[in-house]
């Protein structure tokens, strides 16, 4: 019996191999063949309306495919680069098949992408990529340069092509901040009657934006317009203008469309908003990751998720309302 048993076991193993049976499959192969995919989706920060809509889009995309689990997590401040790095590294250590994230710092997060790809993890960026950006890693984002230039032109038109303006940026060094600044500068170059008198960073924080705008108003009593680069910057600038009693006198053009921003637009404190499509950003990013993992993606995807300029005049149109209030049943295009 001691001799027969090993021979029987050997025969079973040989038969299994001959018939193509698989005793055990690696996690990656299983995911490719329709098994469960685990994705970590990490925004720049949680607690902002913009990123909440990204989450809704990401989770919607997961429901369009079988056996996909999305784990959404993030830091509470967009300048918490080390915190985001830790979250991403923890996700890799847990063996996720895909990593979808918006880089808080283009250079600092490049190493995370490199490490993920070296261990065979699919990487997709949303909103903001890294530097360098691997050609195999798509970035689903707004064309920030073009949209910022369009927003700056709206500010110029509202000011009749002349006046003193200020720029409230948010996180210098991030790709999103720099491309929005580039578009703003292009818009200024096309409107020589606009004169930039101040440029300050909010550090993507409402209270900081409020303070720096108050300082700008004090130093520049003749200020005519403000261009603000993201949600906290816009809200802080709007509150400073409101407190100064200069709503309507100072035109404010800014990015994103949170509930507070829309309310200030209706009140006439904010005069224009650059609306991105965060739902589509989250949806397209997760969809791309799933298709890559399962080998279903054919060709390079369209990564520009689009933008629209929102004013008090077009706020009530069906197109803008659908963009502002997306749903998985009827997503914006």
Protein backbone atom coordinates (compact mmCIF):
# COMPACT_ATOMS: atom_id res chain seq x y z
CA UNK A 1 0.00 0.00 0.00
CA UNK A 2 2.88 2.31 0.70
CA UNK A 3 4.04 1.92 -2.93
CA UNK A 4 0.61 1.92 -4.59
CA UNK A 5 -0.65 5.19 -3.04
CA UNK A 6 2.10 7.41 -4.48
CA UNK A 7 1.57 5.81 -7.89
CA UNK A 8 -2.17 6.50 -7.74
CA UNK A 9 -1.53 10.14 -6.76
CA UNK A 10 0.93 10.55 -9.60
CA UNK A 11 -1.60 9.12 -12.05
CA UNK A 12 -4.25 11.60 -10.86
CA UNK A 13 -1.89 14.53 -11.28
CA UNK A 14 -0.88 13.41 -14.78
CA UNK A 15 -4.51 12.90 -15.77
CA UNK A 16 -5.42 16.38 -14.46
CA UNK A 17 -2.63 17.97 -16.49
CA UNK A 18 -3.55 16.00 -19.62
CA UNK A 19 -7.17 17.12 -19.40
CA UNK A 20 -6.19 20.78 -18.86
CA UNK A 21 -7.63 20.98 -15.37
CA UNK A 22 -6.39 23.83 -13.16
CA UNK A 23 -5.78 22.99 -9.53
CA UNK A 24 -5.27 26.71 -8.60
CA UNK A 25 -5.37 30.02 -10.43
CA UNK A 26 -3.60 33.28 -9.62
CA UNK A 27 -5.85 36.14 -8.56
CA UNK A 28 -5.03 38.17 -11.67
CA UNK A 29 -5.97 35.36 -14.06
CA UNK A 30 -9.22 34.77 -12.18
CA UNK A 31 -10.15 38.46 -12.49
CA UNK A 32 -9.35 38.43 -16.21
CA UNK A 33 -11.69 35.49 -16.76
CA UNK A 34 -14.68 37.06 -15.03
CA UNK A 35 -13.78 36.46 -11.40
CA UNK A 36 -14.11 39.16 -8.76
CA UNK A 37 -12.18 42.36 -9.36
CA UNK A 38 -11.22 44.50 -6.39
CA UNK A 39 -10.58 48.16 -7.18
CA UNK A 40 -9.30 50.85 -4.84
CA UNK A 41 -10.59 54.26 -5.89
CA UNK A 42 -8.80 57.13 -4.15
CA UNK A 43 -9.82 60.77 -4.80
CA UNK A 44 -7.73 63.78 -3.83
CA UNK A 45 -9.94 64.20 -0.79
CA UNK A 46 -13.35 63.30 0.57
CA UNK A 47 -15.92 65.76 1.90
CA UNK A 48 -16.26 67.87 -1.26
CA UNK A 49 -19.30 67.84 -3.57
CA UNK A 50 -17.06 67.37 -6.59
CA UNK A 51 -15.47 64.18 -5.28
CA UNK A 52 -18.82 62.89 -4.06
CA UNK A 53 -20.09 62.99 -7.65
CA UNK A 54 -16.91 61.22 -8.77
CA UNK A 55 -17.74 58.50 -6.24
CA UNK A 56 -21.28 58.11 -7.56
CA UNK A 57 -19.95 57.74 -11.10
CA UNK A 58 -17.27 55.23 -10.04
CA UNK A 59 -19.74 53.06 -8.18
CA UNK A 60 -22.21 53.29 -11.07
CA UNK A 61 -19.57 51.94 -13.49
CA UNK A 62 -18.92 48.99 -11.18
CA UNK A 63 -22.61 48.00 -11.36
CA UNK A 64 -22.41 47.73 -15.15
CA UNK A 65 -19.96 44.80 -14.86
CA UNK A 66 -20.29 41.50 -12.99
CA UNK A 67 -18.20 40.76 -9.91
CA UNK A 68 -16.60 44.14 -9.27
CA UNK A 69 -16.00 45.53 -5.79
CA UNK A 70 -15.03 49.19 -5.39
CA UNK A 71 -13.39 50.41 -2.21
CA UNK A 72 -13.62 54.21 -1.96
CA UNK A 73 -11.39 56.01 0.51
CA UNK A 74 -9.52 59.28 0.76
CA UNK A 75 -7.83 61.86 2.94
CA UNK A 76 -9.75 64.88 4.21
CA UNK A 77 -7.48 67.56 2.73
CA UNK A 78 -6.16 67.85 -0.81
CA UNK A 79 -2.73 68.89 0.46
CA UNK A 80 -2.30 65.71 2.52
CA UNK A 81 0.10 64.12 0.05
CA UNK A 82 1.71 61.71 2.52
CA UNK A 83 -1.70 60.58 3.74
CA UNK A 84 -2.77 59.74 0.20
CA UNK A 85 0.50 57.91 -0.42
CA UNK A 86 -0.17 55.75 2.63
CA UNK A 87 -3.70 54.92 1.48
CA UNK A 88 -2.47 53.90 -1.96
CA UNK A 89 0.38 51.80 -0.57
CA UNK A 90 -2.04 50.07 1.83
CA UNK A 91 -4.33 49.25 -1.09
CA UNK A 92 -1.43 47.72 -3.02
CA UNK A 93 -0.43 45.68 0.02
CA UNK A 94 -3.98 44.29 0.16
CA UNK A 95 -3.59 42.95 -3.38
CA UNK A 96 -6.17 44.95 -5.33
CA UNK A 97 -6.24 44.28 -9.07
CA UNK A 98 -6.78 47.94 -9.96
CA UNK A 99 -5.79 51.31 -8.55
CA UNK A 100 -7.78 54.37 -9.65
CA UNK A 101 -6.66 57.64 -8.12
CA UNK A 102 -6.37 61.41 -8.48
CA UNK A 103 -2.83 62.48 -7.65
CA UNK A 104 -2.53 65.14 -4.96
CA UNK A 105 1.05 65.77 -6.13
CA UNK A 106 2.17 64.90 -9.64
CA UNK A 107 5.78 64.10 -8.79
CA UNK A 108 5.32 62.50 -5.37
CA UNK A 109 2.66 60.06 -6.58
CA UNK A 110 4.61 58.94 -9.66
CA UNK A 111 6.47 56.40 -7.53
CA UNK A 112 3.18 54.81 -6.43
CA UNK A 113 2.19 54.29 -10.05
CA UNK A 114 5.58 52.79 -10.81
CA UNK A 115 5.37 50.36 -7.87
CA UNK A 116 1.83 49.34 -8.77
CA UNK A 117 2.69 48.60 -12.38
CA UNK A 118 5.78 46.63 -11.39
CA UNK A 119 3.61 44.27 -9.36
CA UNK A 120 1.09 43.90 -12.19
CA UNK A 121 -1.64 46.19 -10.83
CA UNK A 122 -3.69 48.13 -13.36
CA UNK A 123 -3.48 51.90 -12.78
CA UNK A 124 -5.86 54.61 -14.03
CA UNK A 125 -5.74 58.28 -13.07
CA UNK A 126 -8.76 60.55 -12.76
CA UNK A 127 -8.69 64.36 -12.68
CA UNK A 128 -4.94 64.56 -12.07
CA UNK A 129 -2.07 62.39 -13.26
CA UNK A 130 1.58 62.09 -12.33
CA UNK A 131 4.90 63.41 -13.61
CA UNK A 132 6.10 61.48 -15.46
CA UNK A 133 2.84 60.05 -16.73
CA UNK A 134 3.31 56.54 -18.15
CA UNK A 135 1.75 56.35 -21.64
CA UNK A 136 -0.05 53.15 -20.61
CA UNK A 137 -1.84 54.93 -17.74
CA UNK A 138 -4.80 57.01 -18.96
CA UNK A 139 -5.89 60.21 -17.20
CA UNK A 140 -9.64 60.81 -17.38
CA UNK A 141 -9.97 64.53 -16.79
CA UNK A 142 -11.26 67.87 -17.93
CA UNK A 143 -9.22 69.69 -20.56
CA UNK A 144 -8.25 72.20 -17.88
CA UNK A 145 -6.34 74.53 -20.18
CA UNK A 146 -9.19 74.97 -22.66
CA UNK A 147 -11.86 75.24 -19.94
CA UNK A 148 -9.83 77.78 -17.93
CA UNK A 149 -9.27 79.88 -21.03
CA UNK A 150 -13.02 79.82 -21.73
CA UNK A 151 -13.77 80.86 -18.15
CA UNK A 152 -11.24 83.69 -18.33
CA UNK A 153 -12.84 84.91 -21.53
CA UNK A 154 -16.21 84.98 -19.77
CA UNK A 155 -14.65 87.12 -17.01
CA UNK A 156 -13.19 89.46 -19.64
CA UNK A 157 -16.57 89.76 -21.35
CA UNK A 158 -18.31 90.54 -18.06
CA UNK A 159 -15.74 93.27 -17.38
CA UNK A 160 -15.99 94.76 -20.86
CA UNK A 161 -12.42 93.71 -21.59
CA UNK A 162 -10.82 95.98 -18.98
CA UNK A 163 -10.08 95.93 -15.26
CA UNK A 164 -7.99 94.67 -12.37
CA UNK A 165 -8.22 90.95 -11.66
CA UNK A 166 -6.90 88.50 -9.06
CA UNK A 167 -6.16 84.79 -9.31
CA UNK A 168 -6.85 82.47 -6.34
CA UNK A 169 -5.06 79.21 -7.12
CA UNK A 170 -5.25 76.19 -4.85
CA UNK A 171 -2.35 73.72 -4.88
CA UNK A 172 0.68 74.95 -6.84
CA UNK A 173 2.64 71.99 -8.13
CA UNK A 174 -0.34 69.78 -8.92
CA UNK A 175 -1.07 69.17 -12.58
CA UNK A 176 -4.65 70.40 -12.20
CA UNK A 177 -3.61 73.70 -10.64
CA UNK A 178 -0.89 74.31 -13.22
CA UNK A 179 -3.06 73.56 -16.25
CA UNK A 180 -5.84 75.81 -14.95
CA UNK A 181 -3.28 78.53 -14.38
CA UNK A 182 -1.99 78.04 -17.92
CA UNK A 183 -5.48 78.47 -19.35
CA UNK A 184 -6.03 81.58 -17.24
CA UNK A 185 -2.76 83.07 -18.48
CA UNK A 186 -3.70 82.35 -22.09
CA UNK A 187 -7.01 84.11 -21.52
CA UNK A 188 -5.23 87.13 -20.06
CA UNK A 189 -2.88 87.27 -23.05
CA UNK A 190 -5.88 87.52 -25.37
CA UNK A 191 -7.35 90.35 -23.30
CA UNK A 192 -4.59 92.94 -22.71
CA UNK A 193 -7.11 95.25 -21.02
CA UNK A 194 -7.13 92.91 -18.00
CA UNK A 195 -4.38 93.52 -15.47
CA UNK A 196 -3.41 90.84 -12.96
CA UNK A 197 -2.79 92.58 -9.61
CA UNK A 198 -2.66 89.60 -7.23
CA UNK A 199 -2.06 85.85 -7.24
CA UNK A 200 -2.45 83.89 -4.01
CA UNK A 201 -2.96 80.24 -3.05
CA UNK A 202 -5.83 78.99 -0.92
CA UNK A 203 -4.11 75.66 -0.24
CA UNK A 204 -7.48 74.24 -1.24
CA UNK A 205 -8.93 75.48 2.06
CA UNK A 206 -12.03 77.65 2.47
CA UNK A 207 -10.75 79.70 5.41
CA UNK A 208 -7.42 80.35 3.71
CA UNK A 209 -9.24 81.44 0.55
CA UNK A 210 -11.40 83.81 2.61
CA UNK A 211 -8.35 85.35 4.29
CA UNK A 212 -6.22 85.79 1.17
CA UNK A 213 -9.15 87.33 -0.71
CA UNK A 214 -9.79 89.76 2.14
CA UNK A 215 -6.12 90.73 2.00
CA UNK A 216 -6.31 91.19 -1.78
CA UNK A 217 -9.41 93.39 -1.46
CA UNK A 218 -7.68 95.55 1.15
CA UNK A 219 -4.57 95.97 -0.98
CA UNK A 220 -6.52 96.51 -4.21
CA UNK A 221 -9.67 98.56 -3.54
CA UNK A 222 -10.26 98.95 -7.27
CA UNK A 223 -10.38 95.19 -7.94
CA UNK A 224 -12.90 94.27 -10.64
CA UNK A 225 -12.71 90.51 -11.01
CA UNK A 226 -11.56 87.24 -9.45
CA UNK A 227 -10.70 83.94 -11.09
CA UNK A 228 -10.68 81.07 -8.56
CA UNK A 229 -9.30 77.62 -9.30
CA UNK A 230 -11.45 75.17 -7.30
CA UNK A 231 -14.42 74.78 -4.96
CA UNK A 232 -12.87 75.97 -1.64
CA UNK A 233 -11.14 78.86 -3.43
CA UNK A 234 -14.38 80.00 -5.07
CA UNK A 235 -16.44 79.74 -1.88
CA UNK A 236 -13.85 81.59 0.21
CA UNK A 237 -13.49 84.34 -2.38
CA UNK A 238 -17.26 84.71 -2.68
CA UNK A 239 -17.67 85.06 1.08
CA UNK A 240 -14.92 87.72 1.23
CA UNK A 241 -16.65 89.71 -1.52
CA UNK A 242 -20.00 89.27 0.21
CA UNK A 243 -18.63 90.50 3.54
CA UNK A 244 -17.08 93.50 1.79
CA UNK A 245 -20.49 94.39 0.35
CA UNK A 246 -19.13 94.22 -3.19
CA UNK A 247 -21.27 91.42 -4.60
CA UNK A 248 -22.14 92.21 -8.21
CA UNK A 249 -19.43 94.87 -8.36
CA UNK A 250 -16.62 92.31 -8.39
CA UNK A 251 -17.15 89.54 -10.93
CA UNK A 252 -16.18 86.04 -9.77
CA UNK A 253 -15.53 83.18 -12.16
CA UNK A 254 -14.55 79.88 -10.62
CA UNK A 255 -14.38 76.12 -10.91
CA UNK A 256 -16.89 73.47 -9.82
CA UNK A 257 -20.54 73.50 -8.88
CA UNK A 258 -21.19 72.61 -5.25
CA UNK A 259 -24.52 73.49 -3.67
CA UNK A 260 -23.01 76.56 -2.01
CA UNK A 261 -21.52 77.74 -5.30
CA UNK A 262 -24.82 77.35 -7.13
CA UNK A 263 -26.61 79.28 -4.38
CA UNK A 264 -24.07 82.12 -4.70
CA UNK A 265 -24.52 82.04 -8.48
CA UNK A 266 -28.27 82.47 -8.06
CA UNK A 267 -27.63 85.33 -5.61
CA UNK A 268 -25.34 87.10 -8.06
CA UNK A 269 -22.22 86.89 -5.87
CA UNK A 270 -20.60 84.43 -8.26
CA UNK A 271 -21.08 85.36 -11.91
CA UNK A 272 -19.93 82.21 -13.67
CA UNK A 273 -18.82 78.64 -12.93
CA UNK A 274 -16.80 76.15 -14.94
CA UNK A 275 -18.70 72.91 -14.53
CA UNK A 276 -16.76 69.71 -14.98
CA UNK A 277 -18.33 66.29 -15.35
CA UNK A 278 -17.16 64.51 -12.17
CA UNK A 279 -19.71 61.73 -12.55
CA UNK A 280 -18.30 60.89 -15.99
CA UNK A 281 -14.76 61.19 -14.63
CA UNK A 282 -15.43 58.52 -12.00
CA UNK A 283 -17.48 56.35 -14.36
CA UNK A 284 -14.97 56.38 -17.22
CA UNK A 285 -11.96 55.79 -14.95
CA UNK A 286 -13.43 52.72 -13.25
CA UNK A 287 -14.86 51.40 -16.51
CA UNK A 288 -11.43 51.66 -18.13
CA UNK A 289 -9.74 49.85 -15.25
CA UNK A 290 -12.23 46.97 -15.44
CA UNK A 291 -11.89 46.66 -19.21
CA UNK A 292 -8.09 46.66 -18.97
CA UNK A 293 -8.07 43.95 -16.30
CA UNK A 294 -10.44 41.76 -18.30
CA UNK A 295 -8.74 42.43 -21.61
CA UNK A 296 -11.85 44.04 -23.08
CA UNK A 297 -10.46 47.49 -23.93
CA UNK A 298 -9.97 48.08 -27.64
CA UNK A 299 -7.81 51.03 -28.60
CA UNK A 300 -7.09 54.23 -26.70
CA UNK A 301 -10.13 55.55 -24.79
CA UNK A 302 -11.38 59.14 -25.03
CA UNK A 303 -10.08 60.70 -21.83
CA UNK A 304 -11.47 64.26 -22.04
CA UNK A 305 -14.52 64.22 -19.79
CA UNK A 306 -15.73 67.66 -20.91
CA UNK A 307 -16.85 70.88 -19.25
CA UNK A 308 -19.51 73.59 -19.52
CA UNK A 309 -19.72 77.22 -18.45
CA UNK A 310 -22.66 77.83 -16.12
CA UNK A 311 -24.21 81.25 -15.63
CA UNK A 312 -27.36 82.46 -13.95
CA UNK A 313 -28.95 82.59 -17.39
CA UNK A 314 -28.42 78.95 -18.40
CA UNK A 315 -28.59 77.39 -14.94
CA UNK A 316 -32.14 76.09 -15.41
CA UNK A 317 -31.62 74.42 -18.79
CA UNK A 318 -32.11 70.62 -18.96
CA UNK A 319 -28.53 70.06 -20.13
CA UNK A 320 -27.00 71.91 -17.18
CA UNK A 321 -29.42 70.40 -14.67
CA UNK A 322 -28.53 66.90 -15.85
CA UNK A 323 -24.85 67.73 -15.44
CA UNK A 324 -25.39 69.11 -11.93
CA UNK A 325 -27.66 66.28 -10.79
CA UNK A 326 -26.36 63.07 -12.40
CA UNK A 327 -27.81 59.62 -11.84
CA UNK A 328 -26.68 56.13 -12.72
CA UNK A 329 -29.98 55.54 -14.50
CA UNK A 330 -29.52 58.58 -16.73
CA UNK A 331 -25.86 59.63 -16.64
CA UNK A 332 -24.56 62.83 -18.28
CA UNK A 333 -22.66 62.35 -21.55
